[in-house]
Amino acid sequence: IRYTPTLLFYGEDGKTVLRLNGYYPPHQFLAALQYVAGKHETKQSFRDYFAANNPTPSAGKLHPQPWLMSLPLQLSGRKSGRPLLVLFEQKDCAGCDYLHQTILTKPESLHLIGQFDVARVELWSNESLVTPDGARRTARDWSRALGLVYAPSAVLFDATGKEVMRIEGMLKTFHVQSVLDYVASGQYRTQPN
């Protein structure tokens, strides 16, 4: 466990049914509770349930940023020598709005973002991209393979394309900044958590 809160939900058999990392807004937390209480894990993944049962008031758009890599995304073989930050977002996403309008507008956040190559992947898109390990996939397939459920999520890779850390829930500004600093500074090499 890297963040608080982290909530683990167990089934009657003692196996983990669902794990929530970080804060979820009330309406999204309710969807998680309904998933567990209704034993929907026997019918579908939380990812699919959440997508179908997550009514979110939002801007309904992806937020343009000057520091985002251009499309089509080629995430392997980057020559910058910087770590890679991949933001997994979707258009109807209040958390994505909050990330771009509040967290990533802070001067400290922008300073840290400047130390990364930053890509945005639309969570449910069929857009083709090249992943850090050189595989050609759709955004939807890659996010599924990574097991991502929540938008926005962030996956941070080192300069060679090896995953270092993730953010898979709603976090406060200082949490996001701490994760960015942890990876950008290289502290993960000597301090594993």
C-alpha atoms as a PDB file:
ATOM      1  CA  ILE A   1       0.000   0.000   0.000  1.00  0.00           C
ATOM      2  CA  ARG A   2       1.430   3.329  -1.078  1.00  0.00           C
ATOM      3  CA  TYR A   3      -1.402   5.743  -0.407  1.00  0.00           C
ATOM      4  CA  THR A   4      -3.984   6.366   2.235  1.00  0.00           C
ATOM      5  CA  PRO A   5      -6.740   5.715   1.985  1.00  0.00           C
ATOM      6  CA  THR A   6      -6.464   2.310   0.354  1.00  0.00           C
ATOM      7  CA  LEU A   7      -9.573   0.202   0.752  1.00  0.00           C
ATOM      8  CA  LEU A   8      -9.693  -3.545   0.237  1.00  0.00           C
ATOM      9  CA  PHE A   9     -13.034  -5.298  -0.128  1.00  0.00           C
ATOM     10  CA  TYR A  10     -13.139  -9.035   0.542  1.00  0.00           C
ATOM     11  CA  GLY A  11     -15.659 -11.640  -0.548  1.00  0.00           C
ATOM     12  CA  GLU A  12     -17.052 -14.412   1.616  1.00  0.00           C
ATOM     13  CA  ASP A  13     -14.187 -16.648   0.489  1.00  0.00           C
ATOM     14  CA  GLY A  14     -11.603 -14.224   1.909  1.00  0.00           C
ATOM     15  CA  LYS A  15     -10.303 -13.177  -1.524  1.00  0.00           C
ATOM     16  CA  THR A  16      -9.959  -9.556  -2.528  1.00  0.00           C
ATOM     17  CA  VAL A  17     -12.932  -8.487  -4.626  1.00  0.00           C
ATOM     18  CA  LEU A  18     -11.908  -4.850  -5.122  1.00  0.00           C
ATOM     19  CA  ARG A  19      -9.074  -2.513  -4.235  1.00  0.00           C
ATOM     20  CA  LEU A  20      -9.502   1.260  -4.257  1.00  0.00           C
ATOM     21  CA  ASN A  21      -6.368   3.397  -4.149  1.00  0.00           C
ATOM     22  CA  GLY A  22      -6.779   6.966  -3.005  1.00  0.00           C
ATOM     23  CA  TYR A  23      -9.863   9.121  -2.763  1.00  0.00           C
ATOM     24  CA  TYR A  24     -12.941   8.540  -4.897  1.00  0.00           C
ATOM     25  CA  PRO A  25     -15.575  11.278  -5.065  1.00  0.00           C
ATOM     26  CA  PRO A  26     -18.833  10.268  -3.332  1.00  0.00           C
ATOM     27  CA  HIS A  27     -20.765   9.288  -6.469  1.00  0.00           C
ATOM     28  CA  GLN A  28     -17.870   7.117  -7.668  1.00  0.00           C
ATOM     29  CA  PHE A  29     -17.370   5.584  -4.233  1.00  0.00           C
ATOM     30  CA  LEU A  30     -21.070   4.688  -4.244  1.00  0.00           C
ATOM     31  CA  ALA A  31     -20.548   2.851  -7.561  1.00  0.00           C
ATOM     32  CA  ALA A  32     -17.727   0.850  -5.921  1.00  0.00           C
ATOM     33  CA  LEU A  33     -19.893  -0.030  -2.936  1.00  0.00           C
ATOM     34  CA  GLN A  34     -22.733  -1.113  -5.219  1.00  0.00           C
ATOM     35  CA  TYR A  35     -20.315  -3.257  -7.240  1.00  0.00           C
ATOM     36  CA  VAL A  36     -19.175  -5.124  -4.122  1.00  0.00           C
ATOM     37  CA  ALA A  37     -22.566  -5.315  -2.404  1.00  0.00           C
ATOM     38  CA  GLY A  38     -24.227  -6.581  -5.578  1.00  0.00           C
ATOM     39  CA  LYS A  39     -21.512  -9.223  -6.086  1.00  0.00           C
ATOM     40  CA  HIS A  40     -20.967  -7.933  -9.607  1.00  0.00           C
ATOM     41  CA  GLU A  41     -17.410  -9.326  -9.621  1.00  0.00           C
ATOM     42  CA  THR A  42     -18.982 -12.651 -10.671  1.00  0.00           C
ATOM     43  CA  LYS A  43     -20.437 -10.984 -13.787  1.00  0.00           C
ATOM     44  CA  GLN A  44     -17.926  -8.370 -14.913  1.00  0.00           C
ATOM     45  CA  SER A  45     -14.750  -6.556 -14.030  1.00  0.00           C
ATOM     46  CA  PHE A  46     -14.946  -3.431 -11.899  1.00  0.00           C
ATOM     47  CA  ARG A  47     -13.493  -1.544 -14.852  1.00  0.00           C
ATOM     48  CA  ASP A  48     -16.502  -2.427 -17.033  1.00  0.00           C
ATOM     49  CA  TYR A  49     -19.022  -1.942 -14.213  1.00  0.00           C
ATOM     50  CA  PHE A  50     -17.492   1.425 -13.314  1.00  0.00           C
ATOM     51  CA  ALA A  51     -17.606   2.622 -16.926  1.00  0.00           C
ATOM     52  CA  ALA A  52     -21.313   1.783 -17.155  1.00  0.00           C
ATOM     53  CA  ASN A  53     -22.259   3.092 -13.687  1.00  0.00           C
ATOM     54  CA  ASN A  54     -20.201   6.230 -13.229  1.00  0.00           C
ATOM     55  CA  PRO A  55     -22.415   9.229 -14.011  1.00  0.00           C
ATOM     56  CA  THR A  56     -20.092  12.174 -13.643  1.00  0.00           C
ATOM     57  CA  PRO A  57     -20.819  15.855 -14.117  1.00  0.00           C
ATOM     58  CA  SER A  58     -17.862  17.042 -16.160  1.00  0.00           C
ATOM     59  CA  ALA A  59     -16.648  19.349 -18.906  1.00  0.00           C
ATOM     60  CA  GLY A  60     -17.030  16.559 -21.454  1.00  0.00           C
ATOM     61  CA  LYS A  61     -13.695  17.250 -23.111  1.00  0.00           C
ATOM     62  CA  LEU A  62     -10.016  16.483 -22.895  1.00  0.00           C
ATOM     63  CA  HIS A  63      -7.984  19.455 -21.727  1.00  0.00           C
ATOM     64  CA  PRO A  64      -5.305  20.643 -24.167  1.00  0.00           C
ATOM     65  CA  GLN A  65      -1.891  21.228 -22.633  1.00  0.00           C
ATOM     66  CA  PRO A  66       1.244  22.570 -24.345  1.00  0.00           C
ATOM     67  CA  TRP A  67       3.438  19.983 -22.599  1.00  0.00           C
ATOM     68  CA  LEU A  68       1.619  16.913 -23.949  1.00  0.00           C
ATOM     69  CA  MET A  69       3.333  14.757 -26.563  1.00  0.00           C
ATOM     70  CA  SER A  70       1.769  14.957 -29.997  1.00  0.00           C
ATOM     71  CA  LEU A  71      -0.186  12.144 -31.622  1.00  0.00           C
ATOM     72  CA  PRO A  72       0.280   9.425 -32.702  1.00  0.00           C
ATOM     73  CA  LEU A  73       2.037   8.390 -29.506  1.00  0.00           C
ATOM     74  CA  GLN A  74       5.417   6.705 -29.850  1.00  0.00           C
ATOM     75  CA  LEU A  75       6.384   5.943 -26.238  1.00  0.00           C
ATOM     76  CA  SER A  76       9.331   3.641 -26.855  1.00  0.00           C
ATOM     77  CA  GLY A  77      12.785   4.697 -27.952  1.00  0.00           C
ATOM     78  CA  ARG A  78      12.429   8.221 -26.617  1.00  0.00           C
ATOM     79  CA  LYS A  79      15.738  10.112 -26.771  1.00  0.00           C
ATOM     80  CA  SER A  80      15.089  12.809 -24.154  1.00  0.00           C
ATOM     81  CA  GLY A  81      16.526  10.804 -21.238  1.00  0.00           C
ATOM     82  CA  ARG A  82      13.617  11.984 -19.089  1.00  0.00           C
ATOM     83  CA  PRO A  83      11.090   9.805 -17.301  1.00  0.00           C
ATOM     84  CA  LEU A  84       7.685   9.337 -18.907  1.00  0.00           C
ATOM     85  CA  LEU A  85       4.358  10.306 -17.368  1.00  0.00           C
ATOM     86  CA  VAL A  86       1.304   8.791 -19.057  1.00  0.00           C
ATOM     87  CA  LEU A  87      -2.042  10.275 -18.075  1.00  0.00           C
ATOM     88  CA  PHE A  88      -5.011   7.992 -18.717  1.00  0.00           C
ATOM     89  CA  GLU A  89      -8.112  10.139 -19.059  1.00  0.00           C
ATOM     90  CA  GLN A  90     -11.538  10.313 -20.646  1.00  0.00           C
ATOM     91  CA  LYS A  91     -13.760  13.142 -21.853  1.00  0.00           C
ATOM     92  CA  ASP A  92     -16.565  12.732 -19.312  1.00  0.00           C
ATOM     93  CA  CYS A  93     -14.389  12.861 -16.219  1.00  0.00           C
ATOM     94  CA  ALA A  94     -14.779  15.291 -13.337  1.00  0.00           C
ATOM     95  CA  GLY A  95     -11.507  14.003 -11.855  1.00  0.00           C
ATOM     96  CA  CYS A  96      -9.710  14.810 -15.120  1.00  0.00           C
ATOM     97  CA  ASP A  97     -11.177  18.316 -15.014  1.00  0.00           C
ATOM     98  CA  TYR A  98      -9.923  18.719 -11.433  1.00  0.00           C
ATOM     99  CA  LEU A  99      -6.472  17.383 -12.359  1.00  0.00           C
ATOM    100  CA  HIS A 100      -6.046  19.861 -15.218  1.00  0.00           C
ATOM    101  CA  GLN A 101      -7.851  22.863 -13.751  1.00  0.00           C
ATOM    102  CA  THR A 102      -6.544  22.664 -10.187  1.00  0.00           C
ATOM    103  CA  ILE A 103      -3.605  20.319  -9.585  1.00  0.00           C
ATOM    104  CA  LEU A 104      -1.646  20.816 -12.804  1.00  0.00           C
ATOM    105  CA  THR A 105      -2.071  24.605 -12.824  1.00  0.00           C
ATOM    106  CA  LYS A 106       0.050  25.066  -9.687  1.00  0.00           C
ATOM    107  CA  PRO A 107       3.557  26.456 -10.354  1.00  0.00           C
ATOM    108  CA  GLU A 108       5.146  23.569  -8.409  1.00  0.00           C
ATOM    109  CA  SER A 109       3.214  21.043 -10.498  1.00  0.00           C
ATOM    110  CA  LEU A 110       4.220  22.722 -13.765  1.00  0.00           C
ATOM    111  CA  HIS A 111       7.861  22.745 -12.668  1.00  0.00           C
ATOM    112  CA  LEU A 112       7.708  18.992 -12.001  1.00  0.00           C
ATOM    113  CA  ILE A 113       5.803  18.270 -15.235  1.00  0.00           C
ATOM    114  CA  GLY A 114       8.653  19.968 -17.086  1.00  0.00           C
ATOM    115  CA  GLN A 115      10.979  17.166 -15.975  1.00  0.00           C
ATOM    116  CA  PHE A 116       8.941  14.494 -17.820  1.00  0.00           C
ATOM    117  CA  ASP A 117       7.875  13.521 -21.280  1.00  0.00           C
ATOM    118  CA  VAL A 118       4.098  13.600 -20.825  1.00  0.00           C
ATOM    119  CA  ALA A 119       1.563  11.675 -22.877  1.00  0.00           C
ATOM    120  CA  ARG A 120      -2.197  11.507 -22.593  1.00  0.00           C
ATOM    121  CA  VAL A 121      -4.052   8.332 -23.474  1.00  0.00           C
ATOM    122  CA  GLU A 122      -7.821   8.339 -23.777  1.00  0.00           C
ATOM    123  CA  LEU A 123      -8.785   5.341 -21.623  1.00  0.00           C
ATOM    124  CA  TRP A 124     -11.475   3.885 -23.910  1.00  0.00           C
ATOM    125  CA  SER A 125     -10.066   4.943 -27.286  1.00  0.00           C
ATOM    126  CA  ASN A 126      -9.282   2.638 -30.192  1.00  0.00           C
ATOM    127  CA  GLU A 127      -6.435   4.959 -31.178  1.00  0.00           C
ATOM    128  CA  SER A 128      -3.246   3.072 -31.980  1.00  0.00           C
ATOM    129  CA  LEU A 129      -0.031   3.837 -30.110  1.00  0.00           C
ATOM    130  CA  VAL A 130       3.356   2.341 -29.370  1.00  0.00           C
ATOM    131  CA  THR A 131       3.790   1.505 -25.679  1.00  0.00           C
ATOM    132  CA  PRO A 132       7.038   2.013 -23.750  1.00  0.00           C
ATOM    133  CA  ASP A 133       7.950  -1.652 -24.335  1.00  0.00           C
ATOM    134  CA  GLY A 134       7.585  -1.190 -28.114  1.00  0.00           C
ATOM    135  CA  ALA A 135       4.257  -2.995 -28.566  1.00  0.00           C
ATOM    136  CA  ARG A 136       1.667  -1.522 -30.924  1.00  0.00           C
ATOM    137  CA  ARG A 137      -1.742  -1.509 -29.202  1.00  0.00           C
ATOM    138  CA  THR A 138      -4.920   0.464 -28.974  1.00  0.00           C
ATOM    139  CA  ALA A 139      -5.269   2.796 -26.010  1.00  0.00           C
ATOM    140  CA  ARG A 140      -8.212   0.697 -24.772  1.00  0.00           C
ATOM    141  CA  ASP A 141      -6.229  -2.551 -24.915  1.00  0.00           C
ATOM    142  CA  TRP A 142      -3.185  -1.053 -23.223  1.00  0.00           C
ATOM    143  CA  SER A 143      -5.202   0.465 -20.374  1.00  0.00           C
ATOM    144  CA  ARG A 144      -6.991  -2.887 -19.936  1.00  0.00           C
ATOM    145  CA  ALA A 145      -3.658  -4.753 -19.897  1.00  0.00           C
ATOM    146  CA  LEU A 146      -2.391  -2.340 -17.240  1.00  0.00           C
ATOM    147  CA  GLY A 147      -5.533  -3.044 -15.201  1.00  0.00           C
ATOM    148  CA  LEU A 148      -6.549   0.604 -15.044  1.00  0.00           C
ATOM    149  CA  VAL A 149     -10.071   1.356 -13.833  1.00  0.00           C
ATOM    150  CA  TYR A 150     -10.118   4.944 -12.645  1.00  0.00           C
ATOM    151  CA  ALA A 151      -9.790   8.106 -14.702  1.00  0.00           C
ATOM    152  CA  PRO A 152      -7.612   9.956 -14.343  1.00  0.00           C
ATOM    153  CA  SER A 153      -4.833   7.509 -13.655  1.00  0.00           C
ATOM    154  CA  ALA A 154      -1.149   8.176 -14.154  1.00  0.00           C
ATOM    155  CA  VAL A 155       1.554   5.629 -14.853  1.00  0.00           C
ATOM    156  CA  LEU A 156       5.134   6.793 -14.458  1.00  0.00           C
ATOM    157  CA  PHE A 157       8.021   5.134 -16.269  1.00  0.00           C
ATOM    158  CA  ASP A 158      11.754   5.634 -15.989  1.00  0.00           C
ATOM    159  CA  ALA A 159      13.778   6.848 -18.985  1.00  0.00           C
ATOM    160  CA  THR A 160      14.158   3.255 -20.238  1.00  0.00           C
ATOM    161  CA  GLY A 161      10.399   2.613 -20.231  1.00  0.00           C
ATOM    162  CA  LYS A 162      10.186   0.524 -17.059  1.00  0.00           C
ATOM    163  CA  GLU A 163       7.147   1.240 -14.887  1.00  0.00           C
ATOM    164  CA  VAL A 164       8.110   2.900 -11.607  1.00  0.00           C
ATOM    165  CA  MET A 165       4.845   3.926 -10.001  1.00  0.00           C
ATOM    166  CA  ARG A 166       1.131   4.600 -10.511  1.00  0.00           C
ATOM    167  CA  ILE A 167      -1.577   6.920  -9.337  1.00  0.00           C
ATOM    168  CA  GLU A 168      -4.942   5.162  -9.626  1.00  0.00           C
ATOM    169  CA  GLY A 169      -7.289   7.298  -7.614  1.00  0.00           C
ATOM    170  CA  MET A 170      -8.177  10.842  -6.721  1.00  0.00           C
ATOM    171  CA  LEU A 171      -5.292  12.344  -4.781  1.00  0.00           C
ATOM    172  CA  LYS A 172      -4.609  15.754  -3.348  1.00  0.00           C
ATOM    173  CA  THR A 173      -2.238  18.199  -5.037  1.00  0.00           C
ATOM    174  CA  PHE A 174       0.627  17.507  -2.628  1.00  0.00           C
ATOM    175  CA  HIS A 175       0.284  13.748  -3.249  1.00  0.00           C
ATOM    176  CA  VAL A 176       0.566  14.184  -7.012  1.00  0.00           C
ATOM    177  CA  GLN A 177       3.500  16.561  -6.628  1.00  0.00           C
ATOM    178  CA  SER A 178       5.255  14.135  -4.259  1.00  0.00           C
ATOM    179  CA  VAL A 179       4.881  11.255  -6.730  1.00  0.00           C
ATOM    180  CA  LEU A 180       6.198  13.384  -9.600  1.00  0.00           C
ATOM    181  CA  ASP A 181       9.159  14.516  -7.485  1.00  0.00           C
ATOM    182  CA  TYR A 182       9.852  10.952  -6.310  1.00  0.00           C
ATOM    183  CA  VAL A 183      10.191   9.734  -9.900  1.00  0.00           C
ATOM    184  CA  ALA A 184      11.792  12.847 -11.437  1.00  0.00           C
ATOM    185  CA  SER A 185      14.455  12.995  -8.722  1.00  0.00           C
ATOM    186  CA  GLY A 186      15.287   9.302  -9.116  1.00  0.00           C
ATOM    187  CA  GLN A 187      14.676   8.658  -5.411  1.00  0.00           C
ATOM    188  CA  TYR A 188      12.806   5.457  -6.307  1.00  0.00           C
ATOM    189  CA  ARG A 189      16.206   3.896  -7.036  1.00  0.00           C
ATOM    190  CA  THR A 190      17.325   4.106  -3.390  1.00  0.00           C
ATOM    191  CA  GLN A 191      13.999   4.558  -1.584  1.00  0.00           C
ATOM    192  CA  PRO A 192      11.614   1.869  -2.883  1.00  0.00           C
ATOM    193  CA  ASN A 193       8.542   3.404  -1.240  1.00  0.00           C
END
